[in-house]
Amino acid sequence: MNWRKMFGKLMSQSDRVQTSIYFPKDIHEALVRWAQEEDRPISNLVVRIVSKAVEEREKQNPPQ
């Protein structure tokens, strides 16, 4: 699934929540560069990264 479809799917869900995150400057700068390389908003990039991390964690440690 390309990121535009994934973003559309994630953003159309009624159970989404908003949060604030504070990054160290160097991490934020790296995320900005990464998002620019993929021509996507940084927020979408972070959602994708976190979603994949949660998916991997749940594969290794299934919720009980």
PDB file of N, CA and C in Angstrom:
ATOM      1  N   MET A   1       0.863  -1.179   0.000  1.00  0.00           N
ATOM      2  CA  MET A   1       0.000   0.000   0.000  1.00  0.00           C
ATOM      3  C   MET A   1       0.900   1.230   0.000  1.00  0.00           C
ATOM      4  N   ASN A   2       0.625   2.165  -0.895  1.00  0.00           N
ATOM      5  CA  ASN A   2       1.466   3.359  -0.891  1.00  0.00           C
ATOM      6  C   ASN A   2       1.075   4.277   0.263  1.00  0.00           C
ATOM      7  N   TRP A   3       1.962   5.209   0.573  1.00  0.00           N
ATOM      8  CA  TRP A   3       1.762   6.033   1.774  1.00  0.00           C
ATOM      9  C   TRP A   3       0.536   6.906   1.675  1.00  0.00           C
ATOM     10  N   ARG A   4       0.158   7.358   0.482  1.00  0.00           N
ATOM     11  CA  ARG A   4      -1.034   8.215   0.349  1.00  0.00           C
ATOM     12  C   ARG A   4      -2.295   7.442   0.713  1.00  0.00           C
ATOM     13  N   LYS A   5      -2.376   6.186   0.258  1.00  0.00           N
ATOM     14  CA  LYS A   5      -3.538   5.354   0.608  1.00  0.00           C
ATOM     15  C   LYS A   5      -3.539   5.055   2.101  1.00  0.00           C
ATOM     16  N   MET A   6      -2.340   4.724   2.645  1.00  0.00           N
ATOM     17  CA  MET A   6      -2.238   4.425   4.071  1.00  0.00           C
ATOM     18  C   MET A   6      -2.631   5.639   4.904  1.00  0.00           C
ATOM     19  N   PHE A   7      -2.123   6.806   4.506  1.00  0.00           N
ATOM     20  CA  PHE A   7      -2.433   8.037   5.230  1.00  0.00           C
ATOM     21  C   PHE A   7      -3.927   8.316   5.167  1.00  0.00           C
ATOM     22  N   GLY A   8      -4.514   8.153   3.987  1.00  0.00           N
ATOM     23  CA  GLY A   8      -5.952   8.368   3.833  1.00  0.00           C
ATOM     24  C   GLY A   8      -6.753   7.431   4.713  1.00  0.00           C
ATOM     25  N   LYS A   9      -6.336   6.172   4.756  1.00  0.00           N
ATOM     26  CA  LYS A   9      -7.011   5.191   5.594  1.00  0.00           C
ATOM     27  C   LYS A   9      -6.882   5.568   7.069  1.00  0.00           C
ATOM     28  N   LEU A  10      -5.665   5.914   7.497  1.00  0.00           N
ATOM     29  CA  LEU A  10      -5.451   6.273   8.898  1.00  0.00           C
ATOM     30  C   LEU A  10      -6.218   7.534   9.285  1.00  0.00           C
ATOM     31  N   MET A  11      -6.233   8.512   8.395  1.00  0.00           N
ATOM     32  CA  MET A  11      -6.863   9.782   8.714  1.00  0.00           C
ATOM     33  C   MET A  11      -8.383   9.723   8.611  1.00  0.00           C
ATOM     34  N   SER A  12      -8.926   8.685   7.977  1.00  0.00           N
ATOM     35  CA  SER A  12     -10.374   8.591   7.864  1.00  0.00           C
ATOM     36  C   SER A  12     -10.980   7.826   9.045  1.00  0.00           C
ATOM     37  N   GLN A  13     -10.158   7.256   9.867  1.00  0.00           N
ATOM     38  CA  GLN A  13     -10.657   6.487  11.011  1.00  0.00           C
ATOM     39  C   GLN A  13     -11.168   7.428  12.089  1.00  0.00           C
ATOM     40  N   SER A  14     -12.335   7.103  12.626  1.00  0.00           N
ATOM     41  CA  SER A  14     -12.936   7.978  13.631  1.00  0.00           C
ATOM     42  C   SER A  14     -12.317   7.798  15.015  1.00  0.00           C
ATOM     43  N   ASP A  15     -11.504   6.774  15.196  1.00  0.00           N
ATOM     44  CA  ASP A  15     -10.928   6.517  16.520  1.00  0.00           C
ATOM     45  C   ASP A  15      -9.511   7.060  16.670  1.00  0.00           C
ATOM     46  N   ARG A  16      -9.105   7.955  15.813  1.00  0.00           N
ATOM     47  CA  ARG A  16      -7.760   8.518  15.914  1.00  0.00           C
ATOM     48  C   ARG A  16      -7.699   9.583  17.004  1.00  0.00           C
ATOM     49  N   VAL A  17      -6.527   9.762  17.556  1.00  0.00           N
ATOM     50  CA  VAL A  17      -6.322  10.753  18.610  1.00  0.00           C
ATOM     51  C   VAL A  17      -5.121  11.624  18.251  1.00  0.00           C
ATOM     52  N   GLN A  18      -5.066  12.773  18.846  1.00  0.00           N
ATOM     53  CA  GLN A  18      -3.968  13.703  18.616  1.00  0.00           C
ATOM     54  C   GLN A  18      -3.075  13.721  19.846  1.00  0.00           C
ATOM     55  N   THR A  19      -1.770  13.836  19.613  1.00  0.00           N
ATOM     56  CA  THR A  19      -0.826  13.888  20.706  1.00  0.00           C
ATOM     57  C   THR A  19       0.337  14.809  20.335  1.00  0.00           C
ATOM     58  N   SER A  20       1.104  15.186  21.312  1.00  0.00           N
ATOM     59  CA  SER A  20       2.294  16.002  21.067  1.00  0.00           C
ATOM     60  C   SER A  20       3.535  15.184  21.402  1.00  0.00           C
ATOM     61  N   ILE A  21       4.564  15.362  20.601  1.00  0.00           N
ATOM     62  CA  ILE A  21       5.822  14.667  20.822  1.00  0.00           C
ATOM     63  C   ILE A  21       6.943  15.697  20.744  1.00  0.00           C
ATOM     64  N   TYR A  22       7.890  15.606  21.650  1.00  0.00           N
ATOM     65  CA  TYR A  22       9.058  16.478  21.631  1.00  0.00           C
ATOM     66  C   TYR A  22      10.270  15.633  21.260  1.00  0.00           C
ATOM     67  N   PHE A  23      10.923  15.990  20.150  1.00  0.00           N
ATOM     68  CA  PHE A  23      12.097  15.274  19.675  1.00  0.00           C
ATOM     69  C   PHE A  23      13.354  16.077  19.963  1.00  0.00           C
ATOM     70  N   PRO A  24      14.469  15.400  20.192  1.00  0.00           N
ATOM     71  CA  PRO A  24      15.743  16.106  20.189  1.00  0.00           C
ATOM     72  C   PRO A  24      15.936  16.718  18.793  1.00  0.00           C
ATOM     73  N   LYS A  25      16.625  17.859  18.724  1.00  0.00           N
ATOM     74  CA  LYS A  25      16.792  18.570  17.450  1.00  0.00           C
ATOM     75  C   LYS A  25      17.367  17.686  16.349  1.00  0.00           C
ATOM     76  N   ASP A  26      18.386  16.898  16.670  1.00  0.00           N
ATOM     77  CA  ASP A  26      19.015  16.088  15.629  1.00  0.00           C
ATOM     78  C   ASP A  26      18.062  15.037  15.068  1.00  0.00           C
ATOM     79  N   ILE A  27      17.234  14.456  15.922  1.00  0.00           N
ATOM     80  CA  ILE A  27      16.249  13.475  15.459  1.00  0.00           C
ATOM     81  C   ILE A  27      15.205  14.162  14.589  1.00  0.00           C
ATOM     82  N   HIS A  28      14.733  15.331  15.027  1.00  0.00           N
ATOM     83  CA  HIS A  28      13.741  16.067  14.245  1.00  0.00           C
ATOM     84  C   HIS A  28      14.300  16.419  12.868  1.00  0.00           C
ATOM     85  N   GLU A  29      15.535  16.883  12.820  1.00  0.00           N
ATOM     86  CA  GLU A  29      16.145  17.235  11.536  1.00  0.00           C
ATOM     87  C   GLU A  29      16.246  16.015  10.623  1.00  0.00           C
ATOM     88  N   ALA A  30      16.598  14.869  11.192  1.00  0.00           N
ATOM     89  CA  ALA A  30      16.676  13.632  10.401  1.00  0.00           C
ATOM     90  C   ALA A  30      15.295  13.240   9.882  1.00  0.00           C
ATOM     91  N   LEU A  31      14.269  13.387  10.718  1.00  0.00           N
ATOM     92  CA  LEU A  31      12.904  13.071  10.286  1.00  0.00           C
ATOM     93  C   LEU A  31      12.430  14.014   9.188  1.00  0.00           C
ATOM     94  N   VAL A  32      12.765  15.280   9.306  1.00  0.00           N
ATOM     95  CA  VAL A  32      12.396  16.255   8.278  1.00  0.00           C
ATOM     96  C   VAL A  32      13.033  15.870   6.944  1.00  0.00           C
ATOM     97  N   ARG A  33      14.320  15.540   6.963  1.00  0.00           N
ATOM     98  CA  ARG A  33      15.001  15.127   5.720  1.00  0.00           C
ATOM     99  C   ARG A  33      14.349  13.881   5.126  1.00  0.00           C
ATOM    100  N   TRP A  34      14.062  12.906   5.978  1.00  0.00           N
ATOM    101  CA  TRP A  34      13.448  11.655   5.539  1.00  0.00           C
ATOM    102  C   TRP A  34      12.085  11.944   4.916  1.00  0.00           C
ATOM    103  N   ALA A  35      11.278  12.745   5.574  1.00  0.00           N
ATOM    104  CA  ALA A  35       9.948  13.081   5.060  1.00  0.00           C
ATOM    105  C   ALA A  35      10.061  13.801   3.715  1.00  0.00           C
ATOM    106  N   GLN A  36      11.012  14.700   3.589  1.00  0.00           N
ATOM    107  CA  GLN A  36      11.203  15.413   2.318  1.00  0.00           C
ATOM    108  C   GLN A  36      11.617  14.450   1.211  1.00  0.00           C
ATOM    109  N   GLU A  37      12.490  13.507   1.527  1.00  0.00           N
ATOM    110  CA  GLU A  37      12.920  12.516   0.533  1.00  0.00           C
ATOM    111  C   GLU A  37      11.747  11.693   0.025  1.00  0.00           C
ATOM    112  N   GLU A  38      10.782  11.428   0.896  1.00  0.00           N
ATOM    113  CA  GLU A  38       9.621  10.621   0.521  1.00  0.00           C
ATOM    114  C   GLU A  38       8.427  11.476   0.123  1.00  0.00           C
ATOM    115  N   ASP A  39       8.622  12.793   0.071  1.00  0.00           N
ATOM    116  CA  ASP A  39       7.565  13.730  -0.323  1.00  0.00           C
ATOM    117  C   ASP A  39       6.280  13.487   0.476  1.00  0.00           C
ATOM    118  N   ARG A  40       6.438  13.491   1.779  1.00  0.00           N
ATOM    119  CA  ARG A  40       5.292  13.276   2.669  1.00  0.00           C
ATOM    120  C   ARG A  40       5.414  14.206   3.861  1.00  0.00           C
ATOM    121  N   PRO A  41       4.303  14.471   4.547  1.00  0.00           N
ATOM    122  CA  PRO A  41       4.375  15.281   5.777  1.00  0.00           C
ATOM    123  C   PRO A  41       5.103  14.504   6.873  1.00  0.00           C
ATOM    124  N   ILE A  42       5.788  15.210   7.735  1.00  0.00           N
ATOM    125  CA  ILE A  42       6.513  14.558   8.829  1.00  0.00           C
ATOM    126  C   ILE A  42       5.551  13.787   9.735  1.00  0.00           C
ATOM    127  N   SER A  43       4.369  14.320   9.952  1.00  0.00           N
ATOM    128  CA  SER A  43       3.404  13.616  10.814  1.00  0.00           C
ATOM    129  C   SER A  43       3.022  12.263  10.219  1.00  0.00           C
ATOM    130  N   ASN A  44       2.853  12.215   8.897  1.00  0.00           N
ATOM    131  CA  ASN A  44       2.531  10.951   8.242  1.00  0.00           C
ATOM    132  C   ASN A  44       3.687   9.974   8.354  1.00  0.00           C
ATOM    133  N   LEU A  45       4.908  10.467   8.204  1.00  0.00           N
ATOM    134  CA  LEU A  45       6.087   9.620   8.346  1.00  0.00           C
ATOM    135  C   LEU A  45       6.147   9.014   9.743  1.00  0.00           C
ATOM    136  N   VAL A  46       5.920   9.827  10.760  1.00  0.00           N
ATOM    137  CA  VAL A  46       5.978   9.349  12.140  1.00  0.00           C
ATOM    138  C   VAL A  46       4.878   8.316  12.391  1.00  0.00           C
ATOM    139  N   VAL A  47       3.675   8.548  11.873  1.00  0.00           N
ATOM    140  CA  VAL A  47       2.586   7.571  12.021  1.00  0.00           C
ATOM    141  C   VAL A  47       2.995   6.246  11.392  1.00  0.00           C
ATOM    142  N   ARG A  48       3.600   6.302  10.216  1.00  0.00           N
ATOM    143  CA  ARG A  48       4.024   5.078   9.531  1.00  0.00           C
ATOM    144  C   ARG A  48       5.098   4.346  10.335  1.00  0.00           C
ATOM    145  N   ILE A  49       6.093   5.073  10.814  1.00  0.00           N
ATOM    146  CA  ILE A  49       7.177   4.460  11.588  1.00  0.00           C
ATOM    147  C   ILE A  49       6.634   3.812  12.861  1.00  0.00           C
ATOM    148  N   VAL A  50       5.805   4.538  13.578  1.00  0.00           N
ATOM    149  CA  VAL A  50       5.256   4.023  14.834  1.00  0.00           C
ATOM    150  C   VAL A  50       4.319   2.846  14.563  1.00  0.00           C
ATOM    151  N   SER A  51       3.505   2.941  13.530  1.00  0.00           N
ATOM    152  CA  SER A  51       2.588   1.841  13.190  1.00  0.00           C
ATOM    153  C   SER A  51       3.350   0.562  12.890  1.00  0.00           C
ATOM    154  N   LYS A  52       4.425   0.683  12.106  1.00  0.00           N
ATOM    155  CA  LYS A  52       5.234  -0.506  11.804  1.00  0.00           C
ATOM    156  C   LYS A  52       5.901  -1.061  13.057  1.00  0.00           C
ATOM    157  N   ALA A  53       6.375  -0.188  13.930  1.00  0.00           N
ATOM    158  CA  ALA A  53       7.015  -0.640  15.172  1.00  0.00           C
ATOM    159  C   ALA A  53       6.014  -1.380  16.063  1.00  0.00           C
ATOM    160  N   VAL A  54       4.813  -0.855  16.172  1.00  0.00           N
ATOM    161  CA  VAL A  54       3.775  -1.503  16.988  1.00  0.00           C
ATOM    162  C   VAL A  54       3.398  -2.849  16.373  1.00  0.00           C
ATOM    163  N   GLU A  55       3.262  -2.886  15.064  1.00  0.00           N
ATOM    164  CA  GLU A  55       2.940  -4.135  14.376  1.00  0.00           C
ATOM    165  C   GLU A  55       4.010  -5.198  14.633  1.00  0.00           C
ATOM    166  N   GLU A  56       5.272  -4.817  14.527  1.00  0.00           N
ATOM    167  CA  GLU A  56       6.371  -5.743  14.783  1.00  0.00           C
ATOM    168  C   GLU A  56       6.382  -6.216  16.238  1.00  0.00           C
ATOM    169  N   ARG A  57       6.163  -5.294  17.153  1.00  0.00           N
ATOM    170  CA  ARG A  57       6.141  -5.656  18.574  1.00  0.00           C
ATOM    171  C   ARG A  57       5.021  -6.642  18.863  1.00  0.00           C
ATOM    172  N   GLU A  58       3.862  -6.403  18.271  1.00  0.00           N
ATOM    173  CA  GLU A  58       2.724  -7.295  18.515  1.00  0.00           C
ATOM    174  C   GLU A  58       2.936  -8.673  17.894  1.00  0.00           C
ATOM    175  N   LYS A  59       3.714  -8.748  16.808  1.00  0.00           N
ATOM    176  CA  LYS A  59       4.057 -10.049  16.228  1.00  0.00           C
ATOM    177  C   LYS A  59       4.947 -10.825  17.194  1.00  0.00           C
ATOM    178  N   GLN A  60       5.892 -10.110  17.821  1.00  0.00           N
ATOM    179  CA  GLN A  60       6.835 -10.750  18.737  1.00  0.00           C
ATOM    180  C   GLN A  60       6.206 -11.026  20.098  1.00  0.00           C
ATOM    181  N   ASN A  61       5.323 -10.144  20.534  1.00  0.00           N
ATOM    182  CA  ASN A  61       4.671 -10.259  21.849  1.00  0.00           C
ATOM    183  C   ASN A  61       3.175 -10.046  21.662  1.00  0.00           C
ATOM    184  N   PRO A  62       2.443 -11.082  21.194  1.00  0.00           N
ATOM    185  CA  PRO A  62       1.011 -10.887  20.942  1.00  0.00           C
ATOM    186  C   PRO A  62       0.264 -10.403  22.183  1.00  0.00           C
ATOM    187  N   PRO A  63      -0.681  -9.462  21.982  1.00  0.00           N
ATOM    188  CA  PRO A  63      -1.474  -8.981  23.119  1.00  0.00           C
ATOM    189  C   PRO A  63      -2.255 -10.143  23.735  1.00  0.00           C
ATOM    190  N   GLN A  64      -2.417 -10.097  25.028  1.00  0.00           N
ATOM    191  CA  GLN A  64      -3.130 -11.205  25.697  1.00  0.00           C
ATOM    192  C   GLN A  64      -4.537 -10.815  26.056  1.00  0.00           C
TER     193      GLN A  64
END
